PDB file of all heavy atoms in Angstrom:
ATOM      1  N   VAL A   1      92.315  10.750-103.087  1.00  0.00           N
ATOM      2  CA  VAL A   1      92.650  10.738-104.445  1.00  0.00           C
ATOM      3  C   VAL A   1      91.823  11.890-105.121  1.00  0.00           C
ATOM      4  O   VAL A   1      90.631  11.915-105.103  1.00  0.00           O
ATOM      5  CB  VAL A   1      92.253   9.401-105.209  1.00  0.00           C
ATOM      6  CG1 VAL A   1      92.616   9.455-106.630  1.00  0.00           C
ATOM      7  CG2 VAL A   1      92.980   8.276-104.441  1.00  0.00           C
ATOM      8  N   ALA A   2      92.580  12.850-105.674  1.00  0.00           N
ATOM      9  CA  ALA A   2      91.944  13.925-106.324  1.00  0.00           C
ATOM     10  C   ALA A   2      91.382  13.583-107.666  1.00  0.00           C
ATOM     11  O   ALA A   2      91.823  12.598-108.241  1.00  0.00           O
ATOM     12  CB  ALA A   2      92.990  15.058-106.480  1.00  0.00           C
ATOM     13  N   PRO A   3      90.457  14.350-108.085  1.00  0.00           N
ATOM     14  CA  PRO A   3      89.920  14.178-109.438  1.00  0.00           C
ATOM     15  C   PRO A   3      91.040  14.285-110.481  1.00  0.00           C
ATOM     16  O   PRO A   3      92.039  15.028-110.248  1.00  0.00           O
ATOM     17  CB  PRO A   3      88.855  15.231-109.585  1.00  0.00           C
ATOM     18  CG  PRO A   3      88.434  15.577-108.210  1.00  0.00           C
ATOM     19  CD  PRO A   3      89.694  15.429-107.467  1.00  0.00           C
ATOM     20  N   GLY A   4      90.815  13.822-111.670  1.00  0.00           N
ATOM     21  CA  GLY A   4      91.776  14.089-112.740  1.00  0.00           C
ATOM     22  C   GLY A   4      91.620  15.443-113.372  1.00  0.00           C
ATOM     23  O   GLY A   4      90.797  16.230-112.948  1.00  0.00           O
ATOM     24  N   ARG A   5      92.473  15.625-114.275  1.00  0.00           N
ATOM     25  CA  ARG A   5      92.544  17.028-114.967  1.00  0.00           C
ATOM     26  C   ARG A   5      91.654  16.912-116.164  1.00  0.00           C
ATOM     27  O   ARG A   5      91.790  15.952-117.000  1.00  0.00           O
ATOM     28  CB  ARG A   5      93.958  17.381-115.317  1.00  0.00           C
ATOM     29  CG  ARG A   5      94.132  18.627-116.079  1.00  0.00           C
ATOM     30  CD  ARG A   5      95.592  18.784-116.411  1.00  0.00           C
ATOM     31  NE  ARG A   5      95.832  20.085-117.031  1.00  0.00           N
ATOM     32  CZ  ARG A   5      96.993  20.443-117.478  1.00  0.00           C
ATOM     33  NH1 ARG A   5      98.024  19.682-117.322  1.00  0.00           N
ATOM     34  NH2 ARG A   5      97.098  21.587-118.077  1.00  0.00           N
ATOM     35  N   PRO A   6      90.769  17.849-116.435  1.00  0.00           N
ATOM     36  CA  PRO A   6      89.970  17.847-117.757  1.00  0.00           C
ATOM     37  C   PRO A   6      90.970  17.870-118.891  1.00  0.00           C
ATOM     38  O   PRO A   6      92.040  18.551-118.863  1.00  0.00           O
ATOM     39  CB  PRO A   6      89.204  19.147-117.718  1.00  0.00           C
ATOM     40  CG  PRO A   6      89.121  19.482-116.231  1.00  0.00           C
ATOM     41  CD  PRO A   6      90.402  19.036-115.593  1.00  0.00           C
ATOM     42  N   SER A   7      90.700  17.138-119.946  1.00  0.00           N
ATOM     43  CA  SER A   7      91.615  17.011-121.117  1.00  0.00           C
ATOM     44  C   SER A   7      90.982  17.639-122.318  1.00  0.00           C
ATOM     45  O   SER A   7      89.772  17.880-122.421  1.00  0.00           O
ATOM     46  CB  SER A   7      91.986  15.613-121.313  1.00  0.00           C
ATOM     47  OG  SER A   7      90.894  14.801-121.658  1.00  0.00           O
ATOM     48  N   ASP A   8      91.753  17.881-123.316  1.00  0.00           N
ATOM     49  CA  ASP A   8      91.403  18.428-124.686  1.00  0.00           C
ATOM     50  C   ASP A   8      90.510  19.681-124.510  1.00  0.00           C
ATOM     51  O   ASP A   8      89.526  19.847-125.245  1.00  0.00           O
ATOM     52  CB  ASP A   8      90.600  17.292-125.406  1.00  0.00           C
ATOM     53  CG  ASP A   8      91.421  16.142-125.705  1.00  0.00           C
ATOM     54  OD1 ASP A   8      92.677  16.243-125.765  1.00  0.00           O
ATOM     55  OD2 ASP A   8      90.838  14.985-125.903  1.00  0.00           O
ATOM     56  N   ALA A   9      90.868  20.501-123.543  1.00  0.00           N
ATOM     57  CA  ALA A   9      90.120  21.813-123.398  1.00  0.00           C
ATOM     58  C   ALA A   9      90.309  22.730-124.550  1.00  0.00           C
ATOM     59  O   ALA A   9      91.515  22.929-124.932  1.00  0.00           O
ATOM     60  CB  ALA A   9      90.553  22.487-122.001  1.00  0.00           C
ATOM     61  N   ALA A  10      89.286  23.357-125.056  1.00  0.00           N
ATOM     62  CA  ALA A  10      89.339  24.274-126.162  1.00  0.00           C
ATOM     63  C   ALA A  10      88.221  25.337-125.927  1.00  0.00           C
ATOM     64  O   ALA A  10      87.170  25.004-125.530  1.00  0.00           O
ATOM     65  CB  ALA A  10      89.123  23.605-127.490  1.00  0.00           C
ATOM     66  N   LEU A  11      88.595  26.574-126.292  1.00  0.00           N
ATOM     67  CA  LEU A  11      87.677  27.646-126.080  1.00  0.00           C
ATOM     68  C   LEU A  11      87.180  28.166-127.399  1.00  0.00           C
ATOM     69  O   LEU A  11      87.989  28.478-128.355  1.00  0.00           O
ATOM     70  CB  LEU A  11      88.380  28.775-125.306  1.00  0.00           C
ATOM     71  CG  LEU A  11      87.586  29.901-124.701  1.00  0.00           C
ATOM     72  CD1 LEU A  11      86.499  29.400-123.781  1.00  0.00           C
ATOM     73  CD2 LEU A  11      88.463  30.894-124.056  1.00  0.00           C
ATOM     74  N   THR A  12      85.854  28.302-127.557  1.00  0.00           N
ATOM     75  CA  THR A  12      85.223  28.901-128.691  1.00  0.00           C
ATOM     76  C   THR A  12      84.283  30.008-128.258  1.00  0.00           C
ATOM     77  O   THR A  12      83.277  29.716-127.681  1.00  0.00           O
ATOM     78  CB  THR A  12      84.449  27.820-129.551  1.00  0.00           C
ATOM     79  OG1 THR A  12      85.381  26.784-129.850  1.00  0.00           O
ATOM     80  CG2 THR A  12      83.962  28.438-130.848  1.00  0.00           C
ATOM     81  N   GLY A  13      84.833  31.252-128.426  1.00  0.00           N
ATOM     82  CA  GLY A  13      83.915  32.356-127.910  1.00  0.00           C
ATOM     83  C   GLY A  13      83.898  32.223-126.420  1.00  0.00           C
ATOM     84  O   GLY A  13      84.871  32.334-125.670  1.00  0.00           O
ATOM     85  N   ALA A  14      82.631  32.162-125.867  1.00  0.00           N
ATOM     86  CA  ALA A  14      82.450  32.033-124.401  1.00  0.00           C
ATOM     87  C   ALA A  14      82.112  30.583-124.070  1.00  0.00           C
ATOM     88  O   ALA A  14      81.450  30.361-122.933  1.00  0.00           O
ATOM     89  CB  ALA A  14      81.426  32.991-123.978  1.00  0.00           C
ATOM     90  N   VAL A  15      82.398  29.618-124.852  1.00  0.00           N
ATOM     91  CA  VAL A  15      82.094  28.187-124.515  1.00  0.00           C
ATOM     92  C   VAL A  15      83.414  27.434-124.439  1.00  0.00           C
ATOM     93  O   VAL A  15      84.199  27.375-125.329  1.00  0.00           O
ATOM     94  CB  VAL A  15      81.181  27.536-125.609  1.00  0.00           C
ATOM     95  CG1 VAL A  15      80.927  26.097-125.231  1.00  0.00           C
ATOM     96  CG2 VAL A  15      79.878  28.328-125.676  1.00  0.00           C
ATOM     97  N   LEU A  16      83.580  26.827-123.260  1.00  0.00           N
ATOM     98  CA  LEU A  16      84.768  25.994-123.076  1.00  0.00           C
ATOM     99  C   LEU A  16      84.334  24.477-123.161  1.00  0.00           C
ATOM    100  O   LEU A  16      83.454  24.108-122.401  1.00  0.00           O
ATOM    101  CB  LEU A  16      85.308  26.186-121.617  1.00  0.00           C
ATOM    102  CG  LEU A  16      86.554  25.380-121.127  1.00  0.00           C
ATOM    103  CD1 LEU A  16      87.773  25.726-122.055  1.00  0.00           C
ATOM    104  CD2 LEU A  16      86.873  25.681-119.760  1.00  0.00           C
ATOM    105  N   ARG A  17      84.971  23.744-124.107  1.00  0.00           N
ATOM    106  CA  ARG A  17      84.676  22.354-124.346  1.00  0.00           C
ATOM    107  C   ARG A  17      85.909  21.552-123.759  1.00  0.00           C
ATOM    108  O   ARG A  17      87.039  21.970-123.900  1.00  0.00           O
ATOM    109  CB  ARG A  17      84.478  22.047-125.810  1.00  0.00           C
ATOM    110  CG  ARG A  17      83.177  22.520-126.282  1.00  0.00           C
ATOM    111  CD  ARG A  17      83.027  22.208-127.791  1.00  0.00           C
ATOM    112  NE  ARG A  17      81.761  22.550-128.394  1.00  0.00           N
ATOM    113  CZ  ARG A  17      81.001  23.559-128.313  1.00  0.00           C
ATOM    114  NH1 ARG A  17      81.253  24.400-127.367  1.00  0.00           N
ATOM    115  NH2 ARG A  17      79.903  23.731-128.990  1.00  0.00           N
ATOM    116  N   PHE A  18      85.619  20.328-123.199  1.00  0.00           N
ATOM    117  CA  PHE A  18      86.669  19.497-122.626  1.00  0.00           C
ATOM    118  C   PHE A  18      86.122  18.109-122.438  1.00  0.00           C
ATOM    119  O   PHE A  18      84.966  17.868-122.451  1.00  0.00           O
ATOM    120  CB  PHE A  18      87.069  20.122-121.263  1.00  0.00           C
ATOM    121  CG  PHE A  18      85.965  20.130-120.248  1.00  0.00           C
ATOM    122  CD1 PHE A  18      85.780  19.165-119.362  1.00  0.00           C
ATOM    123  CD2 PHE A  18      85.032  21.230-120.223  1.00  0.00           C
ATOM    124  CE1 PHE A  18      84.798  19.202-118.434  1.00  0.00           C
ATOM    125  CE2 PHE A  18      84.020  21.284-119.319  1.00  0.00           C
ATOM    126  CZ  PHE A  18      83.865  20.300-118.373  1.00  0.00           C
ATOM    127  N   LYS A  19      87.057  17.189-122.224  1.00  0.00           N
ATOM    128  CA  LYS A  19      86.704  15.862-121.801  1.00  0.00           C
ATOM    129  C   LYS A  19      86.732  15.707-120.283  1.00  0.00           C
ATOM    130  O   LYS A  19      87.652  16.122-119.594  1.00  0.00           O
ATOM    131  CB  LYS A  19      87.674  14.815-122.493  1.00  0.00           C
ATOM    132  CG  LYS A  19      87.389  14.667-123.937  1.00  0.00           C
ATOM    133  CD  LYS A  19      88.045  13.414-124.458  1.00  0.00           C
ATOM    134  CE  LYS A  19      87.803  13.345-125.954  1.00  0.00           C
ATOM    135  NZ  LYS A  19      88.534  12.358-126.579  1.00  0.00           N
ATOM    136  N   ALA A  20      85.649  15.166-119.777  1.00  0.00           N
ATOM    137  CA  ALA A  20      85.534  15.112-118.302  1.00  0.00           C
ATOM    138  C   ALA A  20      86.556  14.198-117.661  1.00  0.00           C
ATOM    139  O   ALA A  20      86.838  13.105-118.182  1.00  0.00           O
ATOM    140  CB  ALA A  20      84.154  14.598-117.983  1.00  0.00           C
ATOM    141  N   PRO A  21      87.080  14.592-116.556  1.00  0.00           N
ATOM    142  CA  PRO A  21      87.970  13.717-115.732  1.00  0.00           C
ATOM    143  C   PRO A  21      87.063  12.892-114.856  1.00  0.00           C
ATOM    144  O   PRO A  21      85.873  13.006-114.773  1.00  0.00           O
ATOM    145  CB  PRO A  21      88.779  14.762-114.918  1.00  0.00           C
ATOM    146  CG  PRO A  21      87.773  15.850-114.717  1.00  0.00           C
ATOM    147  CD  PRO A  21      86.970  15.925-115.949  1.00  0.00           C
ATOM    148  N   GLY A  22      87.700  12.017-114.097  1.00  0.00           N
ATOM    149  CA  GLY A  22      86.963  11.135-113.132  1.00  0.00           C
ATOM    150  C   GLY A  22      87.075  11.742-111.715  1.00  0.00           C
ATOM    151  O   GLY A  22      87.761  12.740-111.486  1.00  0.00           O
ATOM    152  N   ASP A  23      86.267  11.177-110.848  1.00  0.00           N
ATOM    153  CA  ASP A  23      86.254  11.524-109.464  1.00  0.00           C
ATOM    154  C   ASP A  23      87.579  11.060-108.783  1.00  0.00           C
ATOM    155  O   ASP A  23      88.061  11.905-107.960  1.00  0.00           O
ATOM    156  CB  ASP A  23      85.085  10.757-108.789  1.00  0.00           C
ATOM    157  CG  ASP A  23      85.085  10.869-107.259  1.00  0.00           C
ATOM    158  OD1 ASP A  23      84.720  11.931-106.718  1.00  0.00           O
ATOM    159  OD2 ASP A  23      85.546   9.901-106.621  1.00  0.00           O
ATOM    160  N   ASP A  24      88.124  10.046-109.167  1.00  0.00           N
ATOM    161  CA  ASP A  24      89.433   9.588-108.696  1.00  0.00           C
ATOM    162  C   ASP A  24      90.306   9.404-109.867  1.00  0.00           C
ATOM    163  O   ASP A  24      90.306   8.440-110.588  1.00  0.00           O
ATOM    164  CB  ASP A  24      89.347   8.278-107.926  1.00  0.00           C
ATOM    165  CG  ASP A  24      88.522   8.373-106.577  1.00  0.00           C
ATOM    166  OD1 ASP A  24      88.643   9.449-106.000  1.00  0.00           O
ATOM    167  OD2 ASP A  24      87.931   7.412-106.200  1.00  0.00           O
ATOM    168  N   LEU A  25      91.044  10.460-110.196  1.00  0.00           N
ATOM    169  CA  LEU A  25      91.834  10.557-111.429  1.00  0.00           C
ATOM    170  C   LEU A  25      90.995  10.425-112.619  1.00  0.00           C
ATOM    171  O   LEU A  25      90.287  11.312-112.954  1.00  0.00           O
ATOM    172  CB  LEU A  25      93.097   9.584-111.351  1.00  0.00           C
ATOM    173  CG  LEU A  25      94.096   9.895-110.300  1.00  0.00           C
ATOM    174  CD1 LEU A  25      95.181   8.769-110.265  1.00  0.00           C
ATOM    175  CD2 LEU A  25      94.724  11.238-110.482  1.00  0.00           C
ATOM    176  N   LEU A  26      91.098   9.247-113.300  1.00  0.00           N
ATOM    177  CA  LEU A  26      90.295   9.034-114.547  1.00  0.00           C
ATOM    178  C   LEU A  26      89.145   8.050-114.325  1.00  0.00           C
ATOM    179  O   LEU A  26      88.536   7.615-115.274  1.00  0.00           O
ATOM    180  CB  LEU A  26      91.162   8.570-115.632  1.00  0.00           C
ATOM    181  CG  LEU A  26      92.341   9.506-115.964  1.00  0.00           C
ATOM    182  CD1 LEU A  26      93.239   8.905-117.031  1.00  0.00           C
ATOM    183  CD2 LEU A  26      91.824  10.881-116.465  1.00  0.00           C
ATOM    184  N   CYS A  27      88.805   7.783-113.073  1.00  0.00           N
ATOM    185  CA  CYS A  27      87.734   6.782-112.849  1.00  0.00           C
ATOM    186  C   CYS A  27      86.605   7.484-112.135  1.00  0.00           C
ATOM    187  O   CYS A  27      86.731   8.332-111.241  1.00  0.00           O
ATOM    188  CB  CYS A  27      88.269   5.642-111.883  1.00  0.00           C
ATOM    189  SG  CYS A  27      89.618   4.725-112.545  1.00  0.00           S
ATOM    190  N   GLY A  28      85.320   7.118-112.527  1.00  0.00           N
ATOM    191  CA  GLY A  28      84.122   7.640-111.894  1.00  0.00           C
ATOM    192  C   GLY A  28      83.662   8.983-112.474  1.00  0.00           C
ATOM    193  O   GLY A  28      84.012   9.349-113.562  1.00  0.00           O
ATOM    194  N   THR A  29      82.890   9.643-111.736  1.00  0.00           N
ATOM    195  CA  THR A  29      82.319  10.904-112.070  1.00  0.00           C
ATOM    196  C   THR A  29      82.546  11.919-110.944  1.00  0.00           C
ATOM    197  O   THR A  29      82.245  11.726-109.839  1.00  0.00           O
ATOM    198  CB  THR A  29      80.813  10.783-112.308  1.00  0.00           C
ATOM    199  OG1 THR A  29      80.606   9.758-113.299  1.00  0.00           O
ATOM    200  CG2 THR A  29      80.198  12.080-112.773  1.00  0.00           C
ATOM    201  N   ALA A  30      83.053  13.124-111.356  1.00  0.00           N
ATOM    202  CA  ALA A  30      83.320  14.147-110.310  1.00  0.00           C
ATOM    203  C   ALA A  30      82.048  14.730-109.718  1.00  0.00           C
ATOM    204  O   ALA A  30      80.952  14.484-110.245  1.00  0.00           O
ATOM    205  CB  ALA A  30      84.075  15.344-111.016  1.00  0.00           C
ATOM    206  N   ASP A  31      82.122  15.372-108.580  1.00  0.00           N
ATOM    207  CA  ASP A  31      80.975  15.990-107.966  1.00  0.00           C
ATOM    208  C   ASP A  31      80.490  17.231-108.642  1.00  0.00           C
ATOM    209  O   ASP A  31      79.347  17.434-108.871  1.00  0.00           O
ATOM    210  CB  ASP A  31      81.319  16.253-106.478  1.00  0.00           C
ATOM    211  CG  ASP A  31      80.078  16.742-105.739  1.00  0.00           C
ATOM    212  OD1 ASP A  31      79.091  15.962-105.509  1.00  0.00           O
ATOM    213  OD2 ASP A  31      80.097  17.913-105.349  1.00  0.00           O
ATOM    214  N   HIS A  32      81.451  18.089-108.981  1.00  0.00           N
ATOM    215  CA  HIS A  32      81.142  19.415-109.614  1.00  0.00           C
ATOM    216  C   HIS A  32      82.349  19.929-110.234  1.00  0.00           C
ATOM    217  O   HIS A  32      83.494  19.510-109.979  1.00  0.00           O
ATOM    218  CB  HIS A  32      80.421  20.384-108.761  1.00  0.00           C
ATOM    219  CG  HIS A  32      81.224  20.894-107.594  1.00  0.00           C
ATOM    220  ND1 HIS A  32      81.393  20.182-106.371  1.00  0.00           N
ATOM    221  CD2 HIS A  32      82.027  22.040-107.483  1.00  0.00           C
ATOM    222  CE1 HIS A  32      82.204  20.901-105.603  1.00  0.00           C
ATOM    223  NE2 HIS A  32      82.607  22.064-106.226  1.00  0.00           N
ATOM    224  N   TYR A  33      82.188  21.031-111.078  1.00  0.00           N
ATOM    225  CA  TYR A  33      83.321  21.725-111.714  1.00  0.00           C
ATOM    226  C   TYR A  33      83.378  23.179-111.151  1.00  0.00           C
ATOM    227  O   TYR A  33      82.422  23.680-110.642  1.00  0.00           O
ATOM    228  CB  TYR A  33      83.155  21.825-113.167  1.00  0.00           C
ATOM    229  CG  TYR A  33      83.098  20.516-113.919  1.00  0.00           C
ATOM    230  CD1 TYR A  33      82.063  20.158-114.722  1.00  0.00           C
ATOM    231  CD2 TYR A  33      84.266  19.702-113.865  1.00  0.00           C
ATOM    232  CE1 TYR A  33      82.080  18.967-115.429  1.00  0.00           C
ATOM    233  CE2 TYR A  33      84.202  18.448-114.552  1.00  0.00           C
ATOM    234  CZ  TYR A  33      83.096  18.101-115.313  1.00  0.00           C
ATOM    235  OH  TYR A  33      83.088  16.919-115.996  1.00  0.00           O
TER     236      TYR A  33
END
């Protein structure tokens, strides 16, 4: 099961803000980005 897709991504200058996806779709915590 692949991680989910980051949501609500928005770029301000050189900073990318987003909502974290899960390790398994929307559940858990991913290993890295």
